[in-house]
Amino acid sequence: MCKTLSQKIGVVHLQVQDIIEDFISRDSSFAARLIETMKFKGREIDDLNLIQLIGKRIERRDCRENGWVLEDFPKTRA
């Protein structure tokens, strides 16, 4: 539904996995912590860090100007 909605009304279609991969590929201290947590310690990203990532992504110009829809969130009851 998110993909269809984004195409029909012109908003940015965001997917959690794409957001995570985008930030991991960047060279930053936040990305380094994510890589350590996810790859080296074998844990998934916690809800707080995921919310921070989503917040950083929706602050970008394309989301601010066009709006956005978010797919695959939340995945946990918390």
C-alpha atoms as a PDB file:
ATOM      1  CA  MET A   1       0.000   0.000   0.000  1.00  0.00           C
ATOM      2  CA  CYS A   2       2.784   2.432   0.841  1.00  0.00           C
ATOM      3  CA  LYS A   3       4.358   2.103  -2.599  1.00  0.00           C
ATOM      4  CA  THR A   4       1.039   2.670  -4.338  1.00  0.00           C
ATOM      5  CA  LEU A   5       0.193   5.607  -2.103  1.00  0.00           C
ATOM      6  CA  SER A   6       3.557   7.242  -2.686  1.00  0.00           C
ATOM      7  CA  GLN A   7       3.158   6.900  -6.450  1.00  0.00           C
ATOM      8  CA  LYS A   8      -0.378   8.282  -6.449  1.00  0.00           C
ATOM      9  CA  ILE A   9       0.202  11.346  -4.278  1.00  0.00           C
ATOM     10  CA  GLY A  10       3.933  11.939  -4.793  1.00  0.00           C
ATOM     11  CA  VAL A  11       5.257  11.361  -1.289  1.00  0.00           C
ATOM     12  CA  VAL A  12       8.544   9.637  -0.450  1.00  0.00           C
ATOM     13  CA  HIS A  13       8.217   5.906   0.209  1.00  0.00           C
ATOM     14  CA  LEU A  14      10.409   4.968   3.166  1.00  0.00           C
ATOM     15  CA  GLN A  15      11.235   1.411   4.196  1.00  0.00           C
ATOM     16  CA  VAL A  16      12.938   0.663   7.487  1.00  0.00           C
ATOM     17  CA  GLN A  17      15.553  -1.668   5.996  1.00  0.00           C
ATOM     18  CA  ASP A  18      16.543   0.936   3.391  1.00  0.00           C
ATOM     19  CA  ILE A  19      16.887   3.593   6.082  1.00  0.00           C
ATOM     20  CA  ILE A  20      19.142   1.337   8.170  1.00  0.00           C
ATOM     21  CA  GLU A  21      21.318   0.397   5.189  1.00  0.00           C
ATOM     22  CA  ASP A  22      21.630   4.025   4.134  1.00  0.00           C
ATOM     23  CA  PHE A  23      22.867   5.133   7.541  1.00  0.00           C
ATOM     24  CA  ILE A  24      25.218   2.175   7.932  1.00  0.00           C
ATOM     25  CA  SER A  25      26.881   3.088   4.633  1.00  0.00           C
ATOM     26  CA  ARG A  26      27.648   6.591   5.919  1.00  0.00           C
ATOM     27  CA  ASP A  27      30.841   7.431   7.752  1.00  0.00           C
ATOM     28  CA  SER A  28      29.692   8.727  11.128  1.00  0.00           C
ATOM     29  CA  SER A  29      29.941   7.831  14.788  1.00  0.00           C
ATOM     30  CA  PHE A  30      26.262   6.877  14.804  1.00  0.00           C
ATOM     31  CA  ALA A  31      26.826   4.539  11.849  1.00  0.00           C
ATOM     32  CA  ALA A  32      29.836   3.027  13.611  1.00  0.00           C
ATOM     33  CA  ARG A  33      27.703   2.237  16.685  1.00  0.00           C
ATOM     34  CA  LEU A  34      25.034   0.660  14.488  1.00  0.00           C
ATOM     35  CA  ILE A  35      27.577  -1.481  12.675  1.00  0.00           C
ATOM     36  CA  GLU A  36      29.073  -2.641  15.958  1.00  0.00           C
ATOM     37  CA  THR A  37      25.672  -3.503  17.384  1.00  0.00           C
ATOM     38  CA  MET A  38      24.288  -5.211  14.313  1.00  0.00           C
ATOM     39  CA  LYS A  39      27.297  -6.944  12.766  1.00  0.00           C
ATOM     40  CA  PHE A  40      29.767  -7.595  15.521  1.00  0.00           C
ATOM     41  CA  LYS A  41      27.447  -8.205  18.458  1.00  0.00           C
ATOM     42  CA  GLY A  42      24.827  -9.960  16.308  1.00  0.00           C
ATOM     43  CA  ARG A  43      21.906  -7.947  17.650  1.00  0.00           C
ATOM     44  CA  GLU A  44      19.171  -6.138  15.852  1.00  0.00           C
ATOM     45  CA  ILE A  45      18.872  -2.395  16.131  1.00  0.00           C
ATOM     46  CA  ASP A  46      16.929  -1.386  19.233  1.00  0.00           C
ATOM     47  CA  ASP A  47      13.731   0.632  19.044  1.00  0.00           C
ATOM     48  CA  LEU A  48      15.296   3.865  20.320  1.00  0.00           C
ATOM     49  CA  ASN A  49      18.061   3.866  17.700  1.00  0.00           C
ATOM     50  CA  LEU A  50      15.589   2.940  14.991  1.00  0.00           C
ATOM     51  CA  ILE A  51      13.354   5.858  15.945  1.00  0.00           C
ATOM     52  CA  GLN A  52      16.378   8.164  15.830  1.00  0.00           C
ATOM     53  CA  LEU A  53      17.261   6.893  12.352  1.00  0.00           C
ATOM     54  CA  ILE A  54      13.745   7.417  11.087  1.00  0.00           C
ATOM     55  CA  GLY A  55      13.745  10.908  12.584  1.00  0.00           C
ATOM     56  CA  LYS A  56      17.004  11.759  10.833  1.00  0.00           C
ATOM     57  CA  ARG A  57      15.673  10.426   7.531  1.00  0.00           C
ATOM     58  CA  ILE A  58      12.418  12.358   7.593  1.00  0.00           C
ATOM     59  CA  GLU A  59      14.335  15.570   8.288  1.00  0.00           C
ATOM     60  CA  ARG A  60      15.893  15.390   4.824  1.00  0.00           C
ATOM     61  CA  ARG A  61      14.733  17.802   2.181  1.00  0.00           C
ATOM     62  CA  ASP A  62      12.785  15.305   0.021  1.00  0.00           C
ATOM     63  CA  CYS A  63      10.605  14.256   2.957  1.00  0.00           C
ATOM     64  CA  ARG A  64      10.138  17.804   4.222  1.00  0.00           C
ATOM     65  CA  GLU A  65       9.057  19.068   0.807  1.00  0.00           C
ATOM     66  CA  ASN A  66       6.975  16.130  -0.425  1.00  0.00           C
ATOM     67  CA  GLY A  67       5.819  14.295   2.676  1.00  0.00           C
ATOM     68  CA  TRP A  68       6.433  10.612   3.333  1.00  0.00           C
ATOM     69  CA  VAL A  69       4.928   7.222   4.117  1.00  0.00           C
ATOM     70  CA  LEU A  70       6.733   4.684   6.264  1.00  0.00           C
ATOM     71  CA  GLU A  71       6.554   0.946   5.661  1.00  0.00           C
ATOM     72  CA  ASP A  72       7.572  -1.823   8.106  1.00  0.00           C
ATOM     73  CA  PHE A  73       7.243   0.155  11.313  1.00  0.00           C
ATOM     74  CA  PRO A  74       6.575  -0.592  14.089  1.00  0.00           C
ATOM     75  CA  LYS A  75       7.507  -4.241  14.286  1.00  0.00           C
ATOM     76  CA  THR A  76       7.416  -4.625  18.043  1.00  0.00           C
ATOM     77  CA  ARG A  77       4.654  -3.995  20.518  1.00  0.00           C
ATOM     78  CA  ALA A  78       6.809  -1.460  22.384  1.00  0.00           C
END
